[in-house]
Amino acid sequence: MTEIIGLFDGPDTRLPVGVIAVATGLPRSTTHRIIDELIHLGWLVRTARGYGLGPRMPASSGTGDQLRLRAAAAPLLQVLHEETGIVAHLAVPDGSDVVIVDKIGGRVANTVPTRVGGRFPIHVTALGKAILARYFAEDIDHLLPVNLDKRTANTISTRLGLHRELHAIRRRDGLAFGNEEATAGVYCAAASFGCPDGSYAAIAVSGRSALHHLERVGPLVREAARRISDRLSNEESPESGWAVDDPARSGADTMMIRLLSTLDGDDWI
């Protein structure tokens, strides 16, 4: 599957099945079977000009990097969802937007109006604010206009107001909160992390719980973000001795998040 996806240079690339089969060295029947599965999963789509990247593969980063990012984050997103009972997201920046690259919510997924491949202005979400808090002020000024688009009555609408919010996020060691800024009735807690290529990504838990509830689980989100970053860094180092899907490591991650969930909401680590 990864060899097939790796053939697509970007969202406009279209390849017929014959070209894919020759390029990967796979039998044509096997290629058809794998492509059908990738279409079912949303990684590819069938078009009149051939196959192309699907809605689960936004073009904000290289396909291989995005696959590694999702693989590293998925176990911890699953634990966050299970421990909080609300929806967990993974997102990456794309210019002045953030793009959702994974969403785990089980039966409550539909309570938050987001989708994999969907995008939001970077300043309206806790995910985006957590990423922006890592930027230099002059880079933010170059990226965003003085007056910002409003999605709800609570959306930060000026660049000055955003800088104040980002200062507060940095003082919380990277924890960002969304208070009905992207969608009315939806609250978020997010934290960002660095990737080996120098880019940034962020994770968040989002739901219709009160903001004070999400403030209590903020340390879980921040710890999960740190562990995803560790996974990505260790994956780059053969001497690290473990892989992303190492069950022992996944167990340790789960144990840490379960431990954090027992802390009082006023305790900060």
Protein backbone atom coordinates (compact mmCIF):
# COMPACT_ATOMS: atom_id res chain seq x y z
CA MET A 1 0.00 0.00 0.00
CA THR A 2 2.74 2.46 0.90
CA GLU A 3 4.61 1.72 -2.34
CA ILE A 4 1.47 2.51 -4.33
CA ILE A 5 0.71 5.71 -2.41
CA GLY A 6 4.33 6.78 -2.78
CA LEU A 7 3.92 6.93 -6.58
CA PHE A 8 1.63 9.98 -6.28
CA ASP A 9 3.59 13.25 -6.28
CA GLY A 10 0.64 15.42 -5.29
CA PRO A 11 -3.13 15.92 -5.41
CA ASP A 12 -3.17 16.40 -9.20
CA THR A 13 -1.30 13.19 -10.06
CA ARG A 14 -3.43 10.62 -11.92
CA LEU A 15 -2.12 7.11 -12.65
CA PRO A 16 -3.77 4.18 -14.46
CA VAL A 17 -3.58 0.75 -12.92
CA GLY A 18 -1.12 -0.48 -15.55
CA VAL A 19 1.43 2.19 -14.68
CA ILE A 20 1.03 1.46 -10.97
CA ALA A 21 1.54 -2.27 -11.51
CA VAL A 22 4.70 -1.76 -13.58
CA ALA A 23 6.17 0.83 -11.19
CA THR A 24 5.64 -1.36 -8.09
CA GLY A 25 6.43 -4.69 -9.74
CA LEU A 26 3.13 -6.13 -8.50
CA PRO A 27 0.88 -8.44 -10.54
CA ARG A 28 -1.98 -6.53 -12.12
CA SER A 29 -4.60 -8.51 -10.17
CA THR A 30 -2.84 -7.81 -6.88
CA THR A 31 -2.56 -4.13 -7.80
CA HIS A 32 -6.32 -3.99 -8.46
CA ARG A 33 -7.07 -5.64 -5.11
CA ILE A 34 -4.83 -3.27 -3.13
CA ILE A 35 -6.15 -0.20 -4.96
CA ASP A 36 -9.74 -1.25 -4.18
CA GLU A 37 -8.81 -1.48 -0.50
CA LEU A 38 -7.10 1.93 -0.58
CA ILE A 39 -10.23 3.43 -2.18
CA HIS A 40 -12.39 1.86 0.53
CA LEU A 41 -10.13 3.36 3.21
CA GLY A 42 -10.19 6.79 1.57
CA TRP A 43 -6.49 6.93 0.64
CA LEU A 44 -7.18 6.86 -3.13
CA VAL A 45 -10.05 7.83 -5.41
CA ARG A 46 -11.02 6.63 -8.88
CA THR A 47 -11.34 9.38 -11.52
CA ALA A 48 -11.89 9.51 -15.27
CA ARG A 49 -8.12 10.08 -15.78
CA GLY A 50 -6.97 7.32 -13.43
CA TYR A 51 -6.43 6.99 -9.71
CA GLY A 52 -5.55 9.92 -7.45
CA LEU A 53 -5.00 10.72 -3.79
CA GLY A 54 -8.17 10.50 -1.71
CA PRO A 55 -9.64 12.65 1.10
CA ARG A 56 -7.56 10.97 3.81
CA MET A 57 -4.34 12.11 2.13
CA PRO A 58 -4.21 15.94 2.14
CA ALA A 59 -1.30 17.45 0.27
CA SER A 60 0.10 19.54 3.10
CA SER A 61 3.10 17.26 3.55
CA GLY A 62 4.83 14.41 1.81
CA THR A 63 2.81 11.21 1.70
CA GLY A 64 5.50 9.13 3.34
CA ASP A 65 5.95 11.67 6.15
CA GLN A 66 2.22 11.80 6.71
CA LEU A 67 1.92 8.03 6.90
CA ARG A 68 4.68 7.93 9.53
CA LEU A 69 3.04 10.76 11.46
CA ARG A 70 -0.34 9.00 11.51
CA ALA A 71 1.24 5.70 12.49
CA ALA A 72 3.12 7.29 15.39
CA ALA A 73 0.09 9.23 16.63
CA ALA A 74 -2.73 6.71 16.18
CA PRO A 75 -2.16 4.59 19.35
CA LEU A 76 -2.00 7.66 21.56
CA LEU A 77 -5.02 9.27 19.89
CA GLN A 78 -6.94 6.08 20.58
CA VAL A 79 -5.98 6.13 24.26
CA LEU A 80 -6.90 9.82 24.57
CA HIS A 81 -10.31 9.09 23.07
CA GLU A 82 -10.87 6.12 25.37
CA GLU A 83 -9.77 7.98 28.50
CA THR A 84 -11.68 11.20 27.83
CA GLY A 85 -14.72 9.86 25.98
CA ILE A 86 -14.46 12.60 23.36
CA VAL A 87 -12.98 12.99 19.88
CA ALA A 88 -9.21 13.04 19.30
CA HIS A 89 -7.68 14.83 16.30
CA LEU A 90 -4.31 15.05 14.59
CA ALA A 91 -3.57 18.07 12.37
CA VAL A 92 -0.76 19.69 10.39
CA PRO A 93 -0.39 23.29 9.18
CA ASP A 94 -0.84 24.19 5.52
CA GLY A 95 -0.12 27.88 5.07
CA SER A 96 -2.73 29.85 7.00
CA ASP A 97 -4.87 26.73 7.54
CA VAL A 98 -4.69 23.55 9.57
CA VAL A 99 -5.61 20.25 7.93
CA ILE A 100 -7.11 17.34 9.88
CA VAL A 101 -5.11 14.22 9.05
CA ASP A 102 -6.70 11.84 11.55
CA LYS A 103 -9.82 11.69 13.70
CA ILE A 104 -10.67 9.05 16.28
CA GLY A 105 -14.01 9.23 18.01
CA GLY A 106 -15.88 5.95 17.75
CA ARG A 107 -19.58 6.41 18.41
CA VAL A 108 -19.18 10.08 19.38
CA ALA A 109 -17.23 11.07 16.24
CA ASN A 110 -20.27 12.76 14.70
CA THR A 111 -20.69 15.10 17.68
CA VAL A 112 -17.79 17.20 16.31
CA PRO A 113 -18.26 18.50 12.73
CA THR A 114 -14.79 17.67 11.41
CA ARG A 115 -13.49 15.18 8.85
CA VAL A 116 -10.15 13.79 7.76
CA GLY A 117 -8.88 16.07 5.01
CA GLY A 118 -10.95 19.01 6.25
CA ARG A 119 -9.30 22.34 6.95
CA PHE A 120 -9.84 25.37 9.18
CA PRO A 121 -8.20 28.79 9.39
CA ILE A 122 -5.22 28.24 11.65
CA HIS A 123 -6.24 30.90 14.18
CA VAL A 124 -9.74 29.53 14.93
CA THR A 125 -8.78 26.14 16.38
CA ALA A 126 -6.86 25.04 19.45
CA LEU A 127 -4.85 22.81 17.10
CA GLY A 128 -3.80 25.80 15.02
CA LYS A 129 -3.08 28.03 18.01
CA ALA A 130 -0.87 25.34 19.56
CA ILE A 131 1.17 25.25 16.34
CA LEU A 132 1.30 29.05 15.99
CA ALA A 133 2.66 29.33 19.54
CA ARG A 134 5.87 27.74 18.19
CA TYR A 135 6.27 30.39 15.47
CA PHE A 136 8.23 33.63 15.77
CA ALA A 137 6.00 36.71 16.07
CA GLU A 138 7.28 38.15 12.78
CA ASP A 139 6.44 34.91 10.97
CA ILE A 140 2.89 35.08 12.29
CA ASP A 141 2.59 38.71 11.16
CA HIS A 142 3.77 37.70 7.70
CA LEU A 143 1.34 34.76 7.57
CA LEU A 144 -1.86 36.38 8.86
CA PRO A 145 -3.64 39.70 8.19
CA VAL A 146 -4.22 42.29 10.91
CA ASN A 147 -7.94 41.50 10.99
CA LEU A 148 -8.82 37.82 11.12
CA ASP A 149 -11.88 35.97 9.87
CA LYS A 150 -14.50 35.23 12.52
CA ARG A 151 -16.21 31.83 12.61
CA THR A 152 -18.18 32.38 15.84
CA ALA A 153 -18.73 35.15 18.36
CA ASN A 154 -15.73 33.80 20.32
CA THR A 155 -13.23 33.69 17.45
CA ILE A 156 -10.15 35.85 18.00
CA SER A 157 -10.54 38.48 15.31
CA THR A 158 -7.35 40.57 15.50
CA ARG A 159 -3.70 39.70 15.15
CA LEU A 160 -2.97 41.57 18.41
CA GLY A 161 -5.53 39.46 20.25
CA LEU A 162 -4.01 36.33 18.76
CA HIS A 163 -0.52 37.32 19.94
CA ARG A 164 -1.89 37.72 23.47
CA GLU A 165 -3.49 34.28 23.27
CA LEU A 166 -0.26 32.70 21.98
CA HIS A 167 1.67 34.28 24.86
CA ALA A 168 -0.75 32.61 27.30
CA ILE A 169 -0.28 29.27 25.51
CA ARG A 170 3.50 29.52 25.83
CA ARG A 171 3.14 30.27 29.54
CA ARG A 172 1.08 27.06 29.86
CA ASP A 173 3.98 25.16 28.30
CA GLY A 174 2.18 24.76 25.00
CA LEU A 175 -1.35 23.90 26.08
CA ALA A 176 -3.98 25.58 23.91
CA PHE A 177 -7.71 25.69 24.51
CA GLY A 178 -10.54 26.33 22.10
CA ASN A 179 -13.62 28.03 23.53
CA GLU A 180 -16.27 27.70 20.81
CA GLU A 181 -13.97 29.59 18.43
CA ALA A 182 -14.30 27.31 15.40
CA THR A 183 -17.76 25.85 16.02
CA ALA A 184 -20.42 26.93 18.48
CA GLY A 185 -20.74 24.46 21.34
CA VAL A 186 -17.40 22.70 20.71
CA TYR A 187 -14.46 23.02 23.10
CA CYS A 188 -10.90 21.76 22.59
CA ALA A 189 -7.62 21.14 24.38
CA ALA A 190 -4.54 20.86 22.15
CA ALA A 191 -0.76 20.58 22.20
CA SER A 192 1.76 20.73 19.36
CA PHE A 193 5.00 18.87 18.77
CA GLY A 194 7.97 18.96 16.45
CA CYS A 195 8.57 16.46 13.65
CA PRO A 196 12.02 15.20 12.54
CA ASP A 197 11.86 17.26 9.34
CA GLY A 198 11.51 20.50 11.30
CA SER A 199 7.77 20.90 10.71
CA TYR A 200 5.07 20.91 13.40
CA ALA A 201 1.87 19.00 14.05
CA ALA A 202 -0.70 19.07 16.84
CA ILE A 203 -3.19 16.81 18.58
CA ALA A 204 -6.38 17.77 20.39
CA VAL A 205 -9.37 16.36 22.18
CA SER A 206 -12.58 18.07 21.11
CA GLY A 207 -16.14 17.77 22.28
CA ARG A 208 -19.21 19.40 23.68
CA SER A 209 -17.93 19.06 27.23
CA ALA A 210 -17.53 22.23 29.28
CA LEU A 211 -14.20 23.99 28.93
CA HIS A 212 -13.29 23.38 32.58
CA HIS A 213 -13.49 19.63 31.93
CA LEU A 214 -11.04 19.90 29.04
CA GLU A 215 -8.70 22.00 31.16
CA ARG A 216 -8.48 19.01 33.52
CA VAL A 217 -7.36 16.67 30.73
CA GLY A 218 -4.92 19.16 29.27
CA PRO A 219 -1.87 17.46 30.84
CA LEU A 220 -2.87 14.19 29.14
CA VAL A 221 -2.91 15.88 25.75
CA ARG A 222 0.45 17.53 26.32
CA GLU A 223 2.05 14.27 27.47
CA ALA A 224 0.62 12.41 24.47
CA ALA A 225 2.06 15.07 22.13
CA ARG A 226 5.49 14.68 23.72
CA ARG A 227 5.36 10.91 23.29
CA ILE A 228 4.34 11.15 19.65
CA SER A 229 7.35 13.39 19.04
CA ASP A 230 9.54 10.82 20.80
CA ARG A 231 8.12 8.06 18.60
CA LEU A 232 8.90 9.99 15.45
CA SER A 233 12.45 10.81 16.59
CA ASN A 234 13.22 7.26 17.69
CA GLU A 235 11.81 5.89 14.45
CA GLU A 236 14.51 7.87 12.65
CA SER A 237 17.26 6.25 14.78
CA PRO A 238 17.92 2.54 14.11
CA GLU A 239 19.78 2.28 17.41
CA SER A 240 16.66 3.25 19.34
CA GLY A 241 15.70 -0.41 19.62
CA TRP A 242 11.96 -0.14 19.14
CA ALA A 243 9.48 0.58 16.39
CA VAL A 244 6.30 2.64 16.28
CA ASP A 245 4.15 -0.45 16.64
CA ASP A 246 6.20 -1.97 19.49
CA PRO A 247 3.49 -3.36 21.86
CA ALA A 248 5.65 -2.87 24.94
CA ARG A 249 6.14 0.80 24.10
CA SER A 250 2.43 1.23 23.38
CA GLY A 251 1.68 -0.28 26.78
CA ALA A 252 4.00 2.22 28.44
CA ASP A 253 2.27 5.10 26.64
CA THR A 254 -1.14 3.82 27.74
CA MET A 255 0.04 3.42 31.32
CA MET A 256 1.36 7.00 31.46
CA ILE A 257 -1.87 8.48 30.14
CA ARG A 258 -3.96 6.39 32.54
CA LEU A 259 -1.78 7.62 35.39
CA LEU A 260 -2.18 11.25 34.33
CA SER A 261 -5.96 10.84 34.18
CA THR A 262 -6.02 10.18 37.96
CA LEU A 263 -4.49 13.57 38.80
CA ASP A 264 -6.47 16.43 40.20
CA GLY A 265 -7.28 19.08 37.61
CA ASP A 266 -5.30 21.71 39.54
CA ASP A 267 -2.09 19.67 39.44
CA TRP A 268 0.37 20.47 36.65
CA ILE A 269 3.36 18.36 35.67
